Amino acid sequence: MRIKHATLAVLIVGIIFGGVLISSAMGLWQTESSKTPQKIETGAFAGEGDPVDIRGSYTFSDIANAFPISVEVLAEAFSVEENPADFQLKVLEANYPSEGEVEMGTSSVRLFVARYTGLPYERTGEEALFSHAVEFLVQEGKLSGEEAVLIPTMEPKAVLKQEEETVIEEEHVEPLVKGNTTVADLFALGLSEEEIISVIGEYGSKGEVVRDVCNSNGVAFSAAKLTLQELAEE
């Protein structure tokens, strides 16, 4: 039996849209990038969200949806007053440029979320927190006094406003690969495992800091960072 062109076209359109509707109903069809962090794969916390995978594009609302922590707690810890649910983490780095080996940014939020929730996270030593956030964690029994004195602290310059974010994001260009970038961050930037290993060498886990992997493999981090940056921008 020969099918007419018009009938065939209708059948093709029906199959395509029917597949989309079925996938959408089953939760398999996504039109927007996921703001859900990767899961911890092993150990006592297997299946829980991994704080290491929190990214600069996340908002406080995204984090509250993925971890047992509220927008209000995050807003208080990082001195965000206006529209905290929509506050993107990369704005912190724009307001507080890295000072040597210490920075206030996405890694700071990773550390705070991990200590608040009790999830595992190995500090790189670069993550700074506001002093009142450290005091809060200690008072809540979520951070030991011994670790508290080791965390670099800063004081808020001012309460961040939503209007300031727009100006900051237009002027600030956030480097894709930095001193506290982890292997998981490289995957999030779209690099393949083969590309990552070819630049930094073999690594143990995705939570490892790229700089540490380079050092253990005898690779110059400064050169590797430039290569990784170029690969991420392709």
C-alpha atoms as a PDB file:
ATOM      1  CA  MET A   1       0.000   0.000   0.000  1.00  0.00           C
ATOM      2  CA  ARG A   2       1.418   3.409  -0.988  1.00  0.00           C
ATOM      3  CA  ILE A   3       1.082   6.243   1.571  1.00  0.00           C
ATOM      4  CA  LYS A   4       0.484   9.769   0.260  1.00  0.00           C
ATOM      5  CA  HIS A   5       3.078  12.439   1.089  1.00  0.00           C
ATOM      6  CA  ALA A   6       0.546  14.537   3.028  1.00  0.00           C
ATOM      7  CA  THR A   7      -0.491  11.543   5.141  1.00  0.00           C
ATOM      8  CA  LEU A   8       3.139  10.618   5.804  1.00  0.00           C
ATOM      9  CA  ALA A   9       3.909  14.168   6.950  1.00  0.00           C
ATOM     10  CA  VAL A  10       1.002  14.117   9.398  1.00  0.00           C
ATOM     11  CA  LEU A  11       2.162  10.771  10.782  1.00  0.00           C
ATOM     12  CA  ILE A  12       5.734  12.037  11.308  1.00  0.00           C
ATOM     13  CA  VAL A  13       4.539  15.184  13.111  1.00  0.00           C
ATOM     14  CA  GLY A  14       2.217  13.088  15.256  1.00  0.00           C
ATOM     15  CA  ILE A  15       5.021  10.702  16.226  1.00  0.00           C
ATOM     16  CA  ILE A  16       7.388  13.555  17.130  1.00  0.00           C
ATOM     17  CA  PHE A  17       4.920  15.538  19.222  1.00  0.00           C
ATOM     18  CA  GLY A  18       3.427  12.397  20.717  1.00  0.00           C
ATOM     19  CA  GLY A  19       6.887  11.365  21.895  1.00  0.00           C
ATOM     20  CA  VAL A  20       7.477  14.781  23.422  1.00  0.00           C
ATOM     21  CA  LEU A  21       4.156  14.685  25.273  1.00  0.00           C
ATOM     22  CA  ILE A  22       4.831  11.194  26.625  1.00  0.00           C
ATOM     23  CA  SER A  23       8.371  12.112  27.691  1.00  0.00           C
ATOM     24  CA  SER A  24       7.117  15.262  29.358  1.00  0.00           C
ATOM     25  CA  ALA A  25       4.459  13.332  31.256  1.00  0.00           C
ATOM     26  CA  MET A  26       7.095  10.874  32.460  1.00  0.00           C
ATOM     27  CA  GLY A  27       9.484  13.679  33.473  1.00  0.00           C
ATOM     28  CA  LEU A  28      12.035  12.725  30.817  1.00  0.00           C
ATOM     29  CA  TRP A  29      11.681  15.825  28.623  1.00  0.00           C
ATOM     30  CA  GLN A  30      13.423  18.960  29.880  1.00  0.00           C
ATOM     31  CA  THR A  31      13.499  22.288  28.064  1.00  0.00           C
ATOM     32  CA  GLU A  32      15.745  24.029  30.599  1.00  0.00           C
ATOM     33  CA  SER A  33      19.094  23.113  32.092  1.00  0.00           C
ATOM     34  CA  SER A  34      18.822  21.285  35.402  1.00  0.00           C
ATOM     35  CA  LYS A  35      19.762  23.103  38.583  1.00  0.00           C
ATOM     36  CA  THR A  36      20.013  19.828  40.471  1.00  0.00           C
ATOM     37  CA  PRO A  37      23.491  18.963  41.802  1.00  0.00           C
ATOM     38  CA  GLN A  38      25.035  15.549  41.246  1.00  0.00           C
ATOM     39  CA  LYS A  39      24.437  12.911  43.894  1.00  0.00           C
ATOM     40  CA  ILE A  40      27.095  11.594  46.258  1.00  0.00           C
ATOM     41  CA  GLU A  41      27.933   8.156  44.871  1.00  0.00           C
ATOM     42  CA  THR A  42      29.422   6.266  47.819  1.00  0.00           C
ATOM     43  CA  GLY A  43      29.509   6.183  51.595  1.00  0.00           C
ATOM     44  CA  ALA A  44      26.958   6.979  54.256  1.00  0.00           C
ATOM     45  CA  PHE A  45      25.576   9.929  52.267  1.00  0.00           C
ATOM     46  CA  ALA A  46      25.174   8.096  48.946  1.00  0.00           C
ATOM     47  CA  GLY A  47      22.174   9.469  47.065  1.00  0.00           C
ATOM     48  CA  GLU A  48      22.284  12.878  48.752  1.00  0.00           C
ATOM     49  CA  GLY A  49      23.065  16.051  46.821  1.00  0.00           C
ATOM     50  CA  ASP A  50      26.789  16.832  46.633  1.00  0.00           C
ATOM     51  CA  PRO A  51      27.700  20.361  47.818  1.00  0.00           C
ATOM     52  CA  VAL A  52      30.784  20.206  45.569  1.00  0.00           C
ATOM     53  CA  ASP A  53      28.470  20.437  42.553  1.00  0.00           C
ATOM     54  CA  ILE A  54      26.858  23.738  43.605  1.00  0.00           C
ATOM     55  CA  ARG A  55      27.590  26.237  40.807  1.00  0.00           C
ATOM     56  CA  GLY A  56      27.791  29.976  40.381  1.00  0.00           C
ATOM     57  CA  SER A  57      24.612  30.082  38.299  1.00  0.00           C
ATOM     58  CA  TYR A  58      22.564  28.614  41.172  1.00  0.00           C
ATOM     59  CA  THR A  59      20.225  30.884  43.123  1.00  0.00           C
ATOM     60  CA  PHE A  60      19.453  30.542  46.817  1.00  0.00           C
ATOM     61  CA  SER A  61      16.118  29.082  45.754  1.00  0.00           C
ATOM     62  CA  ASP A  62      17.871  26.404  43.669  1.00  0.00           C
ATOM     63  CA  ILE A  63      19.972  25.436  46.690  1.00  0.00           C
ATOM     64  CA  ALA A  64      16.966  25.344  49.020  1.00  0.00           C
ATOM     65  CA  ASN A  65      15.233  22.995  46.575  1.00  0.00           C
ATOM     66  CA  ALA A  66      18.233  20.656  46.459  1.00  0.00           C
ATOM     67  CA  PHE A  67      19.390  20.679  50.094  1.00  0.00           C
ATOM     68  CA  PRO A  68      17.729  20.806  53.547  1.00  0.00           C
ATOM     69  CA  ILE A  69      18.478  24.498  54.048  1.00  0.00           C
ATOM     70  CA  SER A  70      16.190  27.504  53.708  1.00  0.00           C
ATOM     71  CA  VAL A  71      16.534  30.639  51.609  1.00  0.00           C
ATOM     72  CA  GLU A  72      16.240  32.645  54.832  1.00  0.00           C
ATOM     73  CA  VAL A  73      19.270  30.961  56.405  1.00  0.00           C
ATOM     74  CA  LEU A  74      21.341  31.490  53.246  1.00  0.00           C
ATOM     75  CA  ALA A  75      20.265  35.124  52.983  1.00  0.00           C
ATOM     76  CA  GLU A  76      21.265  35.798  56.588  1.00  0.00           C
ATOM     77  CA  ALA A  77      24.604  33.993  56.246  1.00  0.00           C
ATOM     78  CA  PHE A  78      25.594  35.940  53.124  1.00  0.00           C
ATOM     79  CA  SER A  79      23.942  39.274  53.963  1.00  0.00           C
ATOM     80  CA  VAL A  80      21.466  39.312  51.085  1.00  0.00           C
ATOM     81  CA  GLU A  81      18.366  41.328  51.880  1.00  0.00           C
ATOM     82  CA  GLU A  82      16.456  41.987  48.676  1.00  0.00           C
ATOM     83  CA  ASN A  83      14.948  39.129  46.635  1.00  0.00           C
ATOM     84  CA  PRO A  84      17.218  36.478  48.197  1.00  0.00           C
ATOM     85  CA  ALA A  85      15.408  33.613  46.440  1.00  0.00           C
ATOM     86  CA  ASP A  86      16.664  34.925  43.073  1.00  0.00           C
ATOM     87  CA  PHE A  87      20.174  35.787  44.248  1.00  0.00           C
ATOM     88  CA  GLN A  88      22.845  34.098  42.093  1.00  0.00           C
ATOM     89  CA  LEU A  89      26.020  32.925  43.809  1.00  0.00           C
ATOM     90  CA  LYS A  90      28.343  34.423  41.196  1.00  0.00           C
ATOM     91  CA  VAL A  91      27.322  37.879  42.397  1.00  0.00           C
ATOM     92  CA  LEU A  92      29.262  37.214  45.610  1.00  0.00           C
ATOM     93  CA  GLU A  93      32.490  36.789  43.663  1.00  0.00           C
ATOM     94  CA  ALA A  94      31.781  39.997  41.776  1.00  0.00           C
ATOM     95  CA  ASN A  95      31.361  41.922  45.030  1.00  0.00           C
ATOM     96  CA  TYR A  96      34.324  40.323  46.759  1.00  0.00           C
ATOM     97  CA  PRO A  97      37.176  39.783  44.257  1.00  0.00           C
ATOM     98  CA  SER A  98      39.651  37.084  45.215  1.00  0.00           C
ATOM     99  CA  GLU A  99      42.398  38.294  47.535  1.00  0.00           C
ATOM    100  CA  GLY A 100      45.358  35.998  47.036  1.00  0.00           C
ATOM    101  CA  GLU A 101      44.441  32.494  48.171  1.00  0.00           C
ATOM    102  CA  VAL A 102      41.163  33.528  49.830  1.00  0.00           C
ATOM    103  CA  GLU A 103      37.839  34.283  48.197  1.00  0.00           C
ATOM    104  CA  MET A 104      34.192  34.855  48.980  1.00  0.00           C
ATOM    105  CA  GLY A 105      32.095  33.166  46.341  1.00  0.00           C
ATOM    106  CA  THR A 106      30.523  29.923  45.197  1.00  0.00           C
ATOM    107  CA  SER A 107      33.015  27.815  47.172  1.00  0.00           C
ATOM    108  CA  SER A 108      31.999  29.719  50.307  1.00  0.00           C
ATOM    109  CA  VAL A 109      28.372  28.718  49.757  1.00  0.00           C
ATOM    110  CA  ARG A 110      29.443  25.109  49.191  1.00  0.00           C
ATOM    111  CA  LEU A 111      31.238  25.122  52.536  1.00  0.00           C
ATOM    112  CA  PHE A 112      28.363  26.754  54.420  1.00  0.00           C
ATOM    113  CA  VAL A 113      25.738  24.412  52.947  1.00  0.00           C
ATOM    114  CA  ALA A 114      27.874  21.361  53.711  1.00  0.00           C
ATOM    115  CA  ARG A 115      28.512  22.309  57.330  1.00  0.00           C
ATOM    116  CA  TYR A 116      24.894  23.367  57.911  1.00  0.00           C
ATOM    117  CA  THR A 117      23.479  20.128  56.482  1.00  0.00           C
ATOM    118  CA  GLY A 118      26.212  17.806  57.765  1.00  0.00           C
ATOM    119  CA  LEU A 119      27.079  16.652  54.244  1.00  0.00           C
ATOM    120  CA  PRO A 120      30.732  15.850  53.451  1.00  0.00           C
ATOM    121  CA  TYR A 121      32.899  18.574  51.926  1.00  0.00           C
ATOM    122  CA  GLU A 122      36.684  18.862  52.068  1.00  0.00           C
ATOM    123  CA  ARG A 123      37.849  22.444  52.427  1.00  0.00           C
ATOM    124  CA  THR A 124      40.459  23.757  50.019  1.00  0.00           C
ATOM    125  CA  GLY A 125      41.443  26.488  52.469  1.00  0.00           C
ATOM    126  CA  GLU A 126      40.379  29.227  50.059  1.00  0.00           C
ATOM    127  CA  GLU A 127      36.730  29.462  51.120  1.00  0.00           C
ATOM    128  CA  ALA A 128      35.987  32.535  53.216  1.00  0.00           C
ATOM    129  CA  LEU A 129      32.804  33.096  55.216  1.00  0.00           C
ATOM    130  CA  PHE A 130      31.404  36.166  56.882  1.00  0.00           C
ATOM    131  CA  SER A 131      32.288  36.141  60.582  1.00  0.00           C
ATOM    132  CA  HIS A 132      28.627  36.139  61.628  1.00  0.00           C
ATOM    133  CA  ALA A 133      28.031  33.027  59.467  1.00  0.00           C
ATOM    134  CA  VAL A 134      30.864  31.185  61.214  1.00  0.00           C
ATOM    135  CA  GLU A 135      29.476  32.229  64.623  1.00  0.00           C
ATOM    136  CA  PHE A 136      26.031  31.005  63.597  1.00  0.00           C
ATOM    137  CA  LEU A 137      27.358  27.566  62.584  1.00  0.00           C
ATOM    138  CA  VAL A 138      29.261  27.253  65.865  1.00  0.00           C
ATOM    139  CA  GLN A 139      26.235  28.291  67.935  1.00  0.00           C
ATOM    140  CA  GLU A 140      24.051  25.793  66.103  1.00  0.00           C
ATOM    141  CA  GLY A 141      26.554  23.022  66.831  1.00  0.00           C
ATOM    142  CA  LYS A 142      27.234  22.490  63.144  1.00  0.00           C
ATOM    143  CA  LEU A 143      30.864  23.610  63.187  1.00  0.00           C
ATOM    144  CA  SER A 144      33.571  22.779  65.710  1.00  0.00           C
ATOM    145  CA  GLY A 145      35.539  25.556  67.346  1.00  0.00           C
ATOM    146  CA  GLU A 146      38.748  23.988  66.048  1.00  0.00           C
ATOM    147  CA  GLU A 147      37.644  24.262  62.415  1.00  0.00           C
ATOM    148  CA  ALA A 148      36.044  27.674  62.937  1.00  0.00           C
ATOM    149  CA  VAL A 149      39.384  29.332  63.684  1.00  0.00           C
ATOM    150  CA  LEU A 150      40.821  27.908  60.455  1.00  0.00           C
ATOM    151  CA  ILE A 151      38.175  29.434  58.180  1.00  0.00           C
ATOM    152  CA  PRO A 152      39.149  32.839  56.707  1.00  0.00           C
ATOM    153  CA  THR A 153      36.522  35.450  57.543  1.00  0.00           C
ATOM    154  CA  MET A 154      35.376  38.724  55.984  1.00  0.00           C
ATOM    155  CA  GLU A 155      32.897  41.419  56.909  1.00  0.00           C
ATOM    156  CA  PRO A 156      30.063  42.377  54.541  1.00  0.00           C
ATOM    157  CA  LYS A 157      30.769  45.605  52.677  1.00  0.00           C
ATOM    158  CA  ALA A 158      27.067  46.387  52.534  1.00  0.00           C
ATOM    159  CA  VAL A 159      23.745  44.617  52.236  1.00  0.00           C
ATOM    160  CA  LEU A 160      23.496  43.495  48.612  1.00  0.00           C
ATOM    161  CA  LYS A 161      20.654  44.902  46.561  1.00  0.00           C
ATOM    162  CA  GLN A 162      18.995  43.424  43.493  1.00  0.00           C
ATOM    163  CA  GLU A 163      19.736  46.592  41.484  1.00  0.00           C
ATOM    164  CA  GLU A 164      23.455  46.164  42.151  1.00  0.00           C
ATOM    165  CA  GLU A 165      23.466  42.651  40.752  1.00  0.00           C
ATOM    166  CA  THR A 166      22.590  43.768  37.219  1.00  0.00           C
ATOM    167  CA  VAL A 167      25.446  46.266  37.072  1.00  0.00           C
ATOM    168  CA  ILE A 168      27.898  43.823  38.595  1.00  0.00           C
ATOM    169  CA  GLU A 169      27.037  40.998  36.222  1.00  0.00           C
ATOM    170  CA  GLU A 170      27.511  43.270  33.219  1.00  0.00           C
ATOM    171  CA  GLU A 171      30.937  44.456  34.363  1.00  0.00           C
ATOM    172  CA  HIS A 172      32.339  41.276  35.919  1.00  0.00           C
ATOM    173  CA  VAL A 173      33.640  38.397  33.822  1.00  0.00           C
ATOM    174  CA  GLU A 174      33.998  35.361  36.048  1.00  0.00           C
ATOM    175  CA  PRO A 175      36.939  33.118  35.120  1.00  0.00           C
ATOM    176  CA  LEU A 176      35.789  29.597  34.342  1.00  0.00           C
ATOM    177  CA  VAL A 177      38.758  27.856  35.969  1.00  0.00           C
ATOM    178  CA  LYS A 178      40.138  29.116  39.280  1.00  0.00           C
ATOM    179  CA  GLY A 179      42.218  27.978  42.214  1.00  0.00           C
ATOM    180  CA  ASN A 180      39.295  26.221  43.923  1.00  0.00           C
ATOM    181  CA  THR A 181      37.797  24.639  40.798  1.00  0.00           C
ATOM    182  CA  THR A 182      37.074  20.950  41.280  1.00  0.00           C
ATOM    183  CA  VAL A 183      37.031  18.131  38.741  1.00  0.00           C
ATOM    184  CA  ALA A 184      33.229  18.125  39.058  1.00  0.00           C
ATOM    185  CA  ASP A 185      33.253  21.802  38.006  1.00  0.00           C
ATOM    186  CA  LEU A 186      35.160  20.877  34.842  1.00  0.00           C
ATOM    187  CA  PHE A 187      32.502  18.313  33.922  1.00  0.00           C
ATOM    188  CA  ALA A 188      29.842  20.960  34.589  1.00  0.00           C
ATOM    189  CA  LEU A 189      31.643  23.242  32.109  1.00  0.00           C
ATOM    190  CA  GLY A 190      31.177  20.593  29.431  1.00  0.00           C
ATOM    191  CA  LEU A 191      34.644  19.044  29.345  1.00  0.00           C
ATOM    192  CA  SER A 192      34.895  15.309  28.730  1.00  0.00           C
ATOM    193  CA  GLU A 193      36.798  12.920  30.962  1.00  0.00           C
ATOM    194  CA  GLU A 194      39.359  12.374  28.203  1.00  0.00           C
ATOM    195  CA  GLU A 195      39.991  16.119  27.880  1.00  0.00           C
ATOM    196  CA  ILE A 196      40.339  16.556  31.636  1.00  0.00           C
ATOM    197  CA  ILE A 197      42.782  13.670  32.070  1.00  0.00           C
ATOM    198  CA  SER A 198      44.839  14.786  29.067  1.00  0.00           C
ATOM    199  CA  VAL A 199      45.436  18.152  30.766  1.00  0.00           C
ATOM    200  CA  ILE A 200      45.692  17.426  34.507  1.00  0.00           C
ATOM    201  CA  GLY A 201      46.371  13.683  34.576  1.00  0.00           C
ATOM    202  CA  GLU A 202      44.588  10.950  36.529  1.00  0.00           C
ATOM    203  CA  TYR A 203      42.407  11.929  39.495  1.00  0.00           C
ATOM    204  CA  GLY A 204      40.806  10.027  42.350  1.00  0.00           C
ATOM    205  CA  SER A 205      37.362  11.606  42.651  1.00  0.00           C
ATOM    206  CA  LYS A 206      35.305  14.396  41.128  1.00  0.00           C
ATOM    207  CA  GLY A 207      35.455  16.277  44.408  1.00  0.00           C
ATOM    208  CA  GLU A 208      39.209  16.796  44.118  1.00  0.00           C
ATOM    209  CA  VAL A 209      40.492  20.320  43.505  1.00  0.00           C
ATOM    210  CA  VAL A 210      42.111  20.662  40.075  1.00  0.00           C
ATOM    211  CA  ARG A 211      45.130  22.467  41.514  1.00  0.00           C
ATOM    212  CA  ASP A 212      45.807  19.544  43.891  1.00  0.00           C
ATOM    213  CA  VAL A 213      45.494  17.000  41.072  1.00  0.00           C
ATOM    214  CA  CYS A 214      47.964  18.991  38.985  1.00  0.00           C
ATOM    215  CA  ASN A 215      50.432  19.192  41.872  1.00  0.00           C
ATOM    216  CA  SER A 216      50.240  15.456  42.553  1.00  0.00           C
ATOM    217  CA  ASN A 217      50.812  14.692  38.866  1.00  0.00           C
ATOM    218  CA  GLY A 218      53.637  17.186  38.420  1.00  0.00           C
ATOM    219  CA  VAL A 219      51.587  19.409  36.106  1.00  0.00           C
ATOM    220  CA  ALA A 220      51.941  23.193  36.240  1.00  0.00           C
ATOM    221  CA  PHE A 221      48.531  24.503  37.338  1.00  0.00           C
ATOM    222  CA  SER A 222      49.029  27.886  35.654  1.00  0.00           C
ATOM    223  CA  ALA A 223      49.466  26.238  32.246  1.00  0.00           C
ATOM    224  CA  ALA A 224      46.729  23.661  32.842  1.00  0.00           C
ATOM    225  CA  LYS A 225      44.291  26.401  33.865  1.00  0.00           C
ATOM    226  CA  LEU A 226      44.745  28.219  30.547  1.00  0.00           C
ATOM    227  CA  THR A 227      44.273  25.028  28.543  1.00  0.00           C
ATOM    228  CA  LEU A 228      41.155  24.072  30.490  1.00  0.00           C
ATOM    229  CA  GLN A 229      39.775  27.580  30.048  1.00  0.00           C
ATOM    230  CA  GLU A 230      40.241  27.352  26.281  1.00  0.00           C
ATOM    231  CA  LEU A 231      38.561  23.939  26.133  1.00  0.00           C
ATOM    232  CA  ALA A 232      35.605  25.203  28.201  1.00  0.00           C
ATOM    233  CA  GLU A 233      35.118  28.193  25.889  1.00  0.00           C
ATOM    234  CA  GLU A 234      35.090  26.129  22.678  1.00  0.00           C
END
